[in-house]
PDB file of all heavy atoms in Angstrom:
ATOM      1  N   MET A   1       8.677   3.889   4.558  1.00  0.00           N
ATOM      2  CA  MET A   1       9.647   3.202   3.693  1.00  0.00           C
ATOM      3  C   MET A   1      10.145   4.124   2.592  1.00  0.00           C
ATOM      4  O   MET A   1      11.342   4.145   2.285  1.00  0.00           O
ATOM      5  CB  MET A   1       9.023   1.938   3.099  1.00  0.00           C
ATOM      6  CG  MET A   1       8.776   0.833   4.089  1.00  0.00           C
ATOM      7  SD  MET A   1       8.402  -0.790   3.347  1.00  0.00           S
ATOM      8  CE  MET A   1       6.846  -0.450   2.536  1.00  0.00           C
ATOM      9  N   LYS A   2       9.240   4.887   1.993  1.00  0.00           N
ATOM     10  CA  LYS A   2       9.656   5.817   0.939  1.00  0.00           C
ATOM     11  C   LYS A   2      10.602   6.879   1.488  1.00  0.00           C
ATOM     12  O   LYS A   2      11.586   7.256   0.849  1.00  0.00           O
ATOM     13  CB  LYS A   2       8.439   6.477   0.299  1.00  0.00           C
ATOM     14  CG  LYS A   2       8.788   7.412  -0.857  1.00  0.00           C
ATOM     15  CD  LYS A   2       7.559   7.929  -1.561  1.00  0.00           C
ATOM     16  CE  LYS A   2       7.918   8.950  -2.646  1.00  0.00           C
ATOM     17  NZ  LYS A   2       8.792   8.385  -3.695  1.00  0.00           N
ATOM     18  N   ALA A   3      10.298   7.359   2.709  1.00  0.00           N
ATOM     19  CA  ALA A   3      11.149   8.372   3.325  1.00  0.00           C
ATOM     20  C   ALA A   3      12.544   7.833   3.599  1.00  0.00           C
ATOM     21  O   ALA A   3      13.554   8.502   3.324  1.00  0.00           O
ATOM     22  CB  ALA A   3      10.504   8.863   4.626  1.00  0.00           C
ATOM     23  N   LEU A   4      12.617   6.614   4.128  1.00  0.00           N
ATOM     24  CA  LEU A   4      13.916   6.038   4.489  1.00  0.00           C
ATOM     25  C   LEU A   4      14.707   5.583   3.268  1.00  0.00           C
ATOM     26  O   LEU A   4      15.935   5.490   3.316  1.00  0.00           O
ATOM     27  CB  LEU A   4      13.718   4.862   5.451  1.00  0.00           C
ATOM     28  CG  LEU A   4      13.084   5.194   6.805  1.00  0.00           C
ATOM     29  CD1 LEU A   4      12.900   3.930   7.629  1.00  0.00           C
ATOM     30  CD2 LEU A   4      13.934   6.199   7.570  1.00  0.00           C
ATOM     31  N   ALA A   5      14.008   5.283   2.181  1.00  0.00           N
ATOM     32  CA  ALA A   5      14.698   4.820   0.974  1.00  0.00           C
ATOM     33  C   ALA A   5      15.402   5.954   0.248  1.00  0.00           C
ATOM     34  O   ALA A   5      16.364   5.728  -0.502  1.00  0.00           O
ATOM     35  CB  ALA A   5      13.703   4.141   0.029  1.00  0.00           C
ATOM     36  N   ALA A   6      14.912   7.187   0.435  1.00  0.00           N
ATOM     37  CA  ALA A   6      15.499   8.333  -0.261  1.00  0.00           C
ATOM     38  C   ALA A   6      16.747   8.827   0.476  1.00  0.00           C
ATOM     39  O   ALA A   6      16.860   8.706   1.696  1.00  0.00           O
ATOM     40  CB  ALA A   6      14.473   9.455  -0.357  1.00  0.00           C
ATOM     41  N   LYS A   7      17.674   9.406  -0.278  1.00  0.00           N
ATOM     42  CA  LYS A   7      18.868   9.977   0.353  1.00  0.00           C
ATOM     43  C   LYS A   7      18.500  11.263   1.087  1.00  0.00           C
ATOM     44  O   LYS A   7      18.804  11.420   2.261  1.00  0.00           O
ATOM     45  CB  LYS A   7      19.949  10.221  -0.701  1.00  0.00           C
ATOM     46  CG  LYS A   7      20.544   8.931  -1.246  1.00  0.00           C
ATOM     47  CD  LYS A   7      21.719   9.186  -2.170  1.00  0.00           C
ATOM     48  CE  LYS A   7      22.352   7.876  -2.609  1.00  0.00           C
ATOM     49  NZ  LYS A   7      23.516   8.086  -3.498  1.00  0.00           N
ATOM     50  N   THR A   8      17.868  12.193   0.393  1.00  0.00           N
ATOM     51  CA  THR A   8      17.360  13.411   1.012  1.00  0.00           C
ATOM     52  C   THR A   8      16.100  13.809   0.260  1.00  0.00           C
ATOM     53  O   THR A   8      16.111  13.935  -0.967  1.00  0.00           O
ATOM     54  CB  THR A   8      18.377  14.566   0.934  1.00  0.00           C
ATOM     55  OG1 THR A   8      19.596  14.177   1.588  1.00  0.00           O
ATOM     56  CG2 THR A   8      17.823  15.814   1.630  1.00  0.00           C
ATOM     57  N   THR A   9      14.991  13.985   0.983  1.00  0.00           N
ATOM     58  CA  THR A   9      13.730  14.312   0.337  1.00  0.00           C
ATOM     59  C   THR A   9      12.833  15.078   1.290  1.00  0.00           C
ATOM     60  O   THR A   9      12.956  14.945   2.518  1.00  0.00           O
ATOM     61  CB  THR A   9      13.002  13.036  -0.135  1.00  0.00           C
ATOM     62  OG1 THR A   9      11.793  13.388  -0.808  1.00  0.00           O
ATOM     63  CG2 THR A   9      12.680  12.124   1.027  1.00  0.00           C
ATOM     64  N   GLN A  10      11.950  15.882   0.739  1.00  0.00           N
ATOM     65  CA  GLN A  10      10.973  16.622   1.529  1.00  0.00           C
ATOM     66  C   GLN A  10       9.617  15.918   1.539  1.00  0.00           C
ATOM     67  O   GLN A  10       8.714  16.329   2.267  1.00  0.00           O
ATOM     68  CB  GLN A  10      10.800  18.035   0.958  1.00  0.00           C
ATOM     69  CG  GLN A  10      12.072  18.874   0.981  1.00  0.00           C
ATOM     70  CD  GLN A  10      12.552  19.174   2.389  1.00  0.00           C
ATOM     71  OE1 GLN A  10      11.750  19.491   3.261  1.00  0.00           O
ATOM     72  NE2 GLN A  10      13.854  19.067   2.613  1.00  0.00           N
ATOM     73  N   THR A  11       9.442  14.877   0.715  1.00  0.00           N
ATOM     74  CA  THR A  11       8.143  14.222   0.583  1.00  0.00           C
ATOM     75  C   THR A  11       8.256  12.734   0.882  1.00  0.00           C
ATOM     76  O   THR A  11       9.331  12.135   0.772  1.00  0.00           O
ATOM     77  CB  THR A  11       7.582  14.414  -0.834  1.00  0.00           C
ATOM     78  OG1 THR A  11       8.482  13.829  -1.795  1.00  0.00           O
ATOM     79  CG2 THR A  11       7.407  15.889  -1.149  1.00  0.00           C
ATOM     80  N   ILE A  12       7.111  12.133   1.242  1.00  0.00           N
ATOM     81  CA  ILE A  12       7.104  10.707   1.600  1.00  0.00           C
ATOM     82  C   ILE A  12       6.009   9.940   0.856  1.00  0.00           C
ATOM     83  O   ILE A  12       5.553   8.902   1.305  1.00  0.00           O
ATOM     84  CB  ILE A  12       6.969  10.514   3.120  1.00  0.00           C
ATOM     85  CG1 ILE A  12       5.614  11.027   3.617  1.00  0.00           C
ATOM     86  CG2 ILE A  12       8.097  11.204   3.872  1.00  0.00           C
ATOM     87  CD1 ILE A  12       5.330  10.682   5.081  1.00  0.00           C
ATOM     88  N   GLY A  13       5.606  10.442  -0.311  1.00  0.00           N
ATOM     89  CA  GLY A  13       4.587   9.744  -1.090  1.00  0.00           C
ATOM     90  C   GLY A  13       3.210  10.349  -0.895  1.00  0.00           C
ATOM     91  O   GLY A  13       3.049  11.406  -0.279  1.00  0.00           O
ATOM     92  N   ASN A  14       2.207   9.663  -1.405  1.00  0.00           N
ATOM     93  CA  ASN A  14       0.829  10.134  -1.338  1.00  0.00           C
ATOM     94  C   ASN A  14       0.009   9.170  -0.488  1.00  0.00           C
ATOM     95  O   ASN A  14      -0.139   7.990  -0.842  1.00  0.00           O
ATOM     96  CB  ASN A  14       0.233  10.248  -2.741  1.00  0.00           C
ATOM     97  CG  ASN A  14      -1.158  10.849  -2.749  1.00  0.00           C
ATOM     98  OD1 ASN A  14      -2.115  10.229  -2.301  1.00  0.00           O
ATOM     99  ND2 ASN A  14      -1.278  12.055  -3.274  1.00  0.00           N
ATOM    100  N   PHE A  15      -0.530   9.647   0.625  1.00  0.00           N
ATOM    101  CA  PHE A  15      -1.281   8.786   1.541  1.00  0.00           C
ATOM    102  C   PHE A  15      -2.449   8.114   0.835  1.00  0.00           C
ATOM    103  O   PHE A  15      -2.684   6.913   1.013  1.00  0.00           O
ATOM    104  CB  PHE A  15      -1.800   9.592   2.732  1.00  0.00           C
ATOM    105  CG  PHE A  15      -2.798   8.836   3.577  1.00  0.00           C
ATOM    106  CD1 PHE A  15      -2.377   7.858   4.460  1.00  0.00           C
ATOM    107  CD2 PHE A  15      -4.159   9.079   3.460  1.00  0.00           C
ATOM    108  CE1 PHE A  15      -3.297   7.141   5.227  1.00  0.00           C
ATOM    109  CE2 PHE A  15      -5.088   8.380   4.219  1.00  0.00           C
ATOM    110  CZ  PHE A  15      -4.652   7.406   5.105  1.00  0.00           C
ATOM    111  N   TRP A  16      -3.209   8.869   0.022  1.00  0.00           N
ATOM    112  CA  TRP A  16      -4.409   8.328  -0.618  1.00  0.00           C
ATOM    113  C   TRP A  16      -4.048   7.210  -1.593  1.00  0.00           C
ATOM    114  O   TRP A  16      -4.769   6.210  -1.686  1.00  0.00           O
ATOM    115  CB  TRP A  16      -5.172   9.432  -1.334  1.00  0.00           C
ATOM    116  CG  TRP A  16      -5.524  10.574  -0.452  1.00  0.00           C
ATOM    117  CD1 TRP A  16      -5.032  11.845  -0.498  1.00  0.00           C
ATOM    118  CD2 TRP A  16      -6.443  10.561   0.655  1.00  0.00           C
ATOM    119  NE1 TRP A  16      -5.573  12.622   0.486  1.00  0.00           N
ATOM    120  CE2 TRP A  16      -6.458  11.865   1.207  1.00  0.00           C
ATOM    121  CE3 TRP A  16      -7.253   9.587   1.222  1.00  0.00           C
ATOM    122  CZ2 TRP A  16      -7.248  12.204   2.304  1.00  0.00           C
ATOM    123  CZ3 TRP A  16      -8.048   9.927   2.308  1.00  0.00           C
ATOM    124  CH2 TRP A  16      -8.040  11.208   2.841  1.00  0.00           C
ATOM    125  N   ASN A  17      -2.945   7.369  -2.279  1.00  0.00           N
ATOM    126  CA  ASN A  17      -2.505   6.336  -3.215  1.00  0.00           C
ATOM    127  C   ASN A  17      -2.161   5.049  -2.471  1.00  0.00           C
ATOM    128  O   ASN A  17      -2.588   3.954  -2.857  1.00  0.00           O
ATOM    129  CB  ASN A  17      -1.293   6.831  -4.000  1.00  0.00           C
ATOM    130  CG  ASN A  17      -0.831   5.834  -5.050  1.00  0.00           C
ATOM    131  OD1 ASN A  17      -1.635   5.262  -5.782  1.00  0.00           O
ATOM    132  ND2 ASN A  17       0.470   5.619  -5.114  1.00  0.00           N
ATOM    133  N   TYR A  18      -1.394   5.174  -1.383  1.00  0.00           N
ATOM    134  CA  TYR A  18      -1.033   3.994  -0.591  1.00  0.00           C
ATOM    135  C   TYR A  18      -2.270   3.345   0.030  1.00  0.00           C
ATOM    136  O   TYR A  18      -2.353   2.107   0.134  1.00  0.00           O
ATOM    137  CB  TYR A  18      -0.047   4.377   0.516  1.00  0.00           C
ATOM    138  CG  TYR A  18       1.304   4.829   0.029  1.00  0.00           C
ATOM    139  CD1 TYR A  18       2.007   5.825   0.704  1.00  0.00           C
ATOM    140  CD2 TYR A  18       1.899   4.257  -1.092  1.00  0.00           C
ATOM    141  CE1 TYR A  18       3.262   6.240   0.275  1.00  0.00           C
ATOM    142  CE2 TYR A  18       3.151   4.668  -1.527  1.00  0.00           C
ATOM    143  CZ  TYR A  18       3.822   5.664  -0.842  1.00  0.00           C
ATOM    144  OH  TYR A  18       5.061   6.067  -1.268  1.00  0.00           O
ATOM    145  N   LEU A  19      -3.220   4.171   0.455  1.00  0.00           N
ATOM    146  CA  LEU A  19      -4.444   3.651   1.073  1.00  0.00           C
ATOM    147  C   LEU A  19      -5.224   2.782   0.089  1.00  0.00           C
ATOM    148  O   LEU A  19      -5.627   1.652   0.412  1.00  0.00           O
ATOM    149  CB  LEU A  19      -5.316   4.811   1.560  1.00  0.00           C
ATOM    150  CG  LEU A  19      -6.625   4.433   2.254  1.00  0.00           C
ATOM    151  CD1 LEU A  19      -6.342   3.932   3.666  1.00  0.00           C
ATOM    152  CD2 LEU A  19      -7.577   5.635   2.308  1.00  0.00           C
ATOM    153  N   VAL A  20      -5.425   3.301  -1.115  1.00  0.00           N
ATOM    154  CA  VAL A  20      -6.194   2.562  -2.119  1.00  0.00           C
ATOM    155  C   VAL A  20      -5.453   1.301  -2.560  1.00  0.00           C
ATOM    156  O   VAL A  20      -6.050   0.223  -2.664  1.00  0.00           O
ATOM    157  CB  VAL A  20      -6.502   3.466  -3.333  1.00  0.00           C
ATOM    158  CG1 VAL A  20      -7.109   2.656  -4.473  1.00  0.00           C
ATOM    159  CG2 VAL A  20      -7.456   4.585  -2.918  1.00  0.00           C
ATOM    160  N   LEU A  21      -4.147   1.414  -2.800  1.00  0.00           N
ATOM    161  CA  LEU A  21      -3.366   0.247  -3.211  1.00  0.00           C
ATOM    162  C   LEU A  21      -3.379  -0.843  -2.149  1.00  0.00           C
ATOM    163  O   LEU A  21      -3.405  -2.040  -2.471  1.00  0.00           O
ATOM    164  CB  LEU A  21      -1.924   0.654  -3.515  1.00  0.00           C
ATOM    165  CG  LEU A  21      -1.688   1.484  -4.778  1.00  0.00           C
ATOM    166  CD1 LEU A  21      -0.220   1.880  -4.883  1.00  0.00           C
ATOM    167  CD2 LEU A  21      -2.114   0.722  -6.024  1.00  0.00           C
ATOM    168  N   SER A  22      -3.360  -0.450  -0.890  1.00  0.00           N
ATOM    169  CA  SER A  22      -3.380  -1.437   0.202  1.00  0.00           C
ATOM    170  C   SER A  22      -4.653  -2.270   0.159  1.00  0.00           C
ATOM    171  O   SER A  22      -4.628  -3.474   0.457  1.00  0.00           O
ATOM    172  CB  SER A  22      -3.267  -0.726   1.554  1.00  0.00           C
ATOM    173  OG  SER A  22      -2.049  -0.032   1.665  1.00  0.00           O
ATOM    174  N   VAL A  23      -5.760  -1.631  -0.235  1.00  0.00           N
ATOM    175  CA  VAL A  23      -7.033  -2.346  -0.306  1.00  0.00           C
ATOM    176  C   VAL A  23      -7.134  -3.164  -1.587  1.00  0.00           C
ATOM    177  O   VAL A  23      -7.393  -4.369  -1.554  1.00  0.00           O
ATOM    178  CB  VAL A  23      -8.219  -1.354  -0.215  1.00  0.00           C
ATOM    179  CG1 VAL A  23      -9.544  -2.090  -0.440  1.00  0.00           C
ATOM    180  CG2 VAL A  23      -8.234  -0.668   1.149  1.00  0.00           C
ATOM    181  N   THR A  24      -6.928  -2.507  -2.737  1.00  0.00           N
ATOM    182  CA  THR A  24      -7.187  -3.175  -4.025  1.00  0.00           C
ATOM    183  C   THR A  24      -6.148  -4.227  -4.370  1.00  0.00           C
ATOM    184  O   THR A  24      -6.480  -5.242  -4.991  1.00  0.00           O
ATOM    185  CB  THR A  24      -7.251  -2.137  -5.154  1.00  0.00           C
ATOM    186  OG1 THR A  24      -6.005  -1.409  -5.216  1.00  0.00           O
ATOM    187  CG2 THR A  24      -8.389  -1.168  -4.935  1.00  0.00           C
ATOM    188  N   ARG A  25      -4.894  -4.005  -4.003  1.00  0.00           N
ATOM    189  CA  ARG A  25      -3.816  -4.912  -4.434  1.00  0.00           C
ATOM    190  C   ARG A  25      -3.416  -5.950  -3.391  1.00  0.00           C
ATOM    191  O   ARG A  25      -2.776  -6.942  -3.729  1.00  0.00           O
ATOM    192  CB  ARG A  25      -2.568  -4.094  -4.812  1.00  0.00           C
ATOM    193  CG  ARG A  25      -2.771  -3.072  -5.907  1.00  0.00           C
ATOM    194  CD  ARG A  25      -3.142  -3.734  -7.226  1.00  0.00           C
ATOM    195  NE  ARG A  25      -3.277  -2.753  -8.290  1.00  0.00           N
ATOM    196  CZ  ARG A  25      -2.316  -2.451  -9.166  1.00  0.00           C
ATOM    197  NH1 ARG A  25      -1.149  -3.055  -9.094  1.00  0.00           N
ATOM    198  NH2 ARG A  25      -2.522  -1.545 -10.107  1.00  0.00           N
ATOM    199  N   ILE A  26      -3.783  -5.713  -2.110  1.00  0.00           N
ATOM    200  CA  ILE A  26      -3.301  -6.625  -1.061  1.00  0.00           C
ATOM    201  C   ILE A  26      -4.470  -7.205  -0.260  1.00  0.00           C
ATOM    202  O   ILE A  26      -4.693  -8.426  -0.249  1.00  0.00           O
ATOM    203  CB  ILE A  26      -2.308  -5.900  -0.127  1.00  0.00           C
ATOM    204  CG1 ILE A  26      -1.124  -5.351  -0.923  1.00  0.00           C
ATOM    205  CG2 ILE A  26      -1.817  -6.857   0.968  1.00  0.00           C
ATOM    206  CD1 ILE A  26      -0.266  -4.361  -0.170  1.00  0.00           C
ATOM    207  N   LEU A  27      -5.216  -6.344   0.428  1.00  0.00           N
ATOM    208  CA  LEU A  27      -6.237  -6.831   1.357  1.00  0.00           C
ATOM    209  C   LEU A  27      -7.399  -7.515   0.654  1.00  0.00           C
ATOM    210  O   LEU A  27      -7.837  -8.602   1.063  1.00  0.00           O
ATOM    211  CB  LEU A  27      -6.746  -5.676   2.213  1.00  0.00           C
ATOM    212  CG  LEU A  27      -5.719  -5.037   3.166  1.00  0.00           C
ATOM    213  CD1 LEU A  27      -6.299  -3.786   3.811  1.00  0.00           C
ATOM    214  CD2 LEU A  27      -5.294  -6.038   4.238  1.00  0.00           C
ATOM    215  N   LEU A  28      -7.926  -6.898  -0.400  1.00  0.00           N
ATOM    216  CA  LEU A  28      -9.102  -7.463  -1.070  1.00  0.00           C
ATOM    217  C   LEU A  28      -8.810  -8.785  -1.767  1.00  0.00           C
ATOM    218  O   LEU A  28      -9.567  -9.759  -1.593  1.00  0.00           O
ATOM    219  CB  LEU A  28      -9.679  -6.442  -2.051  1.00  0.00           C
ATOM    220  CG  LEU A  28     -10.999  -6.824  -2.731  1.00  0.00           C
ATOM    221  CD1 LEU A  28     -12.078  -7.107  -1.698  1.00  0.00           C
ATOM    222  CD2 LEU A  28     -11.453  -5.722  -3.685  1.00  0.00           C
ATOM    223  N   PRO A  29      -7.729  -8.903  -2.551  1.00  0.00           N
ATOM    224  CA  PRO A  29      -7.446 -10.209  -3.195  1.00  0.00           C
ATOM    225  C   PRO A  29      -7.244 -11.340  -2.189  1.00  0.00           C
ATOM    226  O   PRO A  29      -7.772 -12.442  -2.378  1.00  0.00           O
ATOM    227  CB  PRO A  29      -6.166  -9.940  -3.989  1.00  0.00           C
ATOM    228  CG  PRO A  29      -6.143  -8.479  -4.217  1.00  0.00           C
ATOM    229  CD  PRO A  29      -6.771  -7.873  -2.999  1.00  0.00           C
ATOM    230  N   LEU A  30      -6.498 -11.070  -1.126  1.00  0.00           N
ATOM    231  CA  LEU A  30      -6.279 -12.108  -0.121  1.00  0.00           C
ATOM    232  C   LEU A  30      -7.574 -12.471   0.593  1.00  0.00           C
ATOM    233  O   LEU A  30      -7.821 -13.642   0.912  1.00  0.00           O
ATOM    234  CB  LEU A  30      -5.233 -11.637   0.897  1.00  0.00           C
ATOM    235  CG  LEU A  30      -3.786 -11.547   0.393  1.00  0.00           C
ATOM    236  CD1 LEU A  30      -2.892 -10.910   1.444  1.00  0.00           C
ATOM    237  CD2 LEU A  30      -3.249 -12.925   0.010  1.00  0.00           C
ATOM    238  N   SER A  31      -8.423 -11.465   0.838  1.00  0.00           N
ATOM    239  CA  SER A  31      -9.713 -11.727   1.502  1.00  0.00           C
ATOM    240  C   SER A  31     -10.607 -12.612   0.648  1.00  0.00           C
ATOM    241  O   SER A  31     -11.333 -13.477   1.172  1.00  0.00           O
ATOM    242  CB  SER A  31     -10.423 -10.401   1.816  1.00  0.00           C
ATOM    243  OG  SER A  31      -9.698  -9.649   2.750  1.00  0.00           O
ATOM    244  N   LEU A  32     -10.582 -12.409  -0.659  1.00  0.00           N
ATOM    245  CA  LEU A  32     -11.396 -13.238  -1.553  1.00  0.00           C
ATOM    246  C   LEU A  32     -10.941 -14.693  -1.511  1.00  0.00           C
ATOM    247  O   LEU A  32     -11.765 -15.615  -1.506  1.00  0.00           O
ATOM    248  CB  LEU A  32     -11.309 -12.696  -2.984  1.00  0.00           C
ATOM    249  CG  LEU A  32     -12.025 -11.350  -3.222  1.00  0.00           C
ATOM    250  CD1 LEU A  32     -11.717 -10.834  -4.623  1.00  0.00           C
ATOM    251  CD2 LEU A  32     -13.526 -11.485  -3.017  1.00  0.00           C
ATOM    252  N   ILE A  33      -9.636 -14.912  -1.468  1.00  0.00           N
ATOM    253  CA  ILE A  33      -9.107 -16.292  -1.409  1.00  0.00           C
ATOM    254  C   ILE A  33      -9.526 -16.960  -0.101  1.00  0.00           C
ATOM    255  O   ILE A  33     -10.033 -18.092  -0.092  1.00  0.00           O
ATOM    256  CB  ILE A  33      -7.568 -16.274  -1.537  1.00  0.00           C
ATOM    257  CG1 ILE A  33      -7.158 -15.780  -2.926  1.00  0.00           C
ATOM    258  CG2 ILE A  33      -6.994 -17.672  -1.286  1.00  0.00           C
ATOM    259  CD1 ILE A  33      -5.669 -15.513  -3.062  1.00  0.00           C
ATOM    260  N   VAL A  34      -9.314 -16.257   1.014  1.00  0.00           N
ATOM    261  CA  VAL A  34      -9.672 -16.830   2.317  1.00  0.00           C
ATOM    262  C   VAL A  34     -11.181 -17.023   2.416  1.00  0.00           C
ATOM    263  O   VAL A  34     -11.654 -18.058   2.916  1.00  0.00           O
ATOM    264  CB  VAL A  34      -9.163 -15.919   3.453  1.00  0.00           C
ATOM    265  CG1 VAL A  34      -9.673 -16.413   4.810  1.00  0.00           C
ATOM    266  CG2 VAL A  34      -7.645 -15.868   3.454  1.00  0.00           C
ATOM    267  N   GLY A  35     -11.959 -16.063   1.928  1.00  0.00           N
ATOM    268  CA  GLY A  35     -13.412 -16.177   1.971  1.00  0.00           C
ATOM    269  C   GLY A  35     -13.934 -17.375   1.209  1.00  0.00           C
ATOM    270  O   GLY A  35     -14.874 -18.052   1.658  1.00  0.00           O
ATOM    271  N   PHE A  36     -13.338 -17.657   0.067  1.00  0.00           N
ATOM    272  CA  PHE A  36     -13.755 -18.828  -0.720  1.00  0.00           C
ATOM    273  C   PHE A  36     -13.527 -20.113   0.070  1.00  0.00           C
ATOM    274  O   PHE A  36     -14.395 -20.994   0.107  1.00  0.00           O
ATOM    275  CB  PHE A  36     -12.972 -18.872  -2.036  1.00  0.00           C
ATOM    276  CG  PHE A  36     -13.256 -20.080  -2.872  1.00  0.00           C
ATOM    277  CD1 PHE A  36     -14.421 -20.180  -3.621  1.00  0.00           C
ATOM    278  CD2 PHE A  36     -12.362 -21.152  -2.897  1.00  0.00           C
ATOM    279  CE1 PHE A  36     -14.684 -21.306  -4.383  1.00  0.00           C
ATOM    280  CE2 PHE A  36     -12.614 -22.279  -3.656  1.00  0.00           C
ATOM    281  CZ  PHE A  36     -13.786 -22.358  -4.403  1.00  0.00           C
ATOM    282  N   ILE A  37     -12.382 -20.216   0.734  1.00  0.00           N
ATOM    283  CA  ILE A  37     -12.092 -21.415   1.539  1.00  0.00           C
ATOM    284  C   ILE A  37     -13.103 -21.552   2.671  1.00  0.00           C
ATOM    285  O   ILE A  37     -13.608 -22.655   2.951  1.00  0.00           O
ATOM    286  CB  ILE A  37     -10.654 -21.349   2.098  1.00  0.00           C
ATOM    287  CG1 ILE A  37      -9.636 -21.365   0.950  1.00  0.00           C
ATOM    288  CG2 ILE A  37     -10.392 -22.527   3.043  1.00  0.00           C
ATOM    289  CD1 ILE A  37      -8.204 -21.127   1.400  1.00  0.00           C
TER     290      ILE A  37
END
């Protein structure tokens, strides 16, 4: 998405940053809600 959003770029973001954010901001919070139910 970062690559396609840019007009012209040599970089596409930081894999480690996206990896951690995917867990802490998306997967873990949703898992806690479902787990409680």
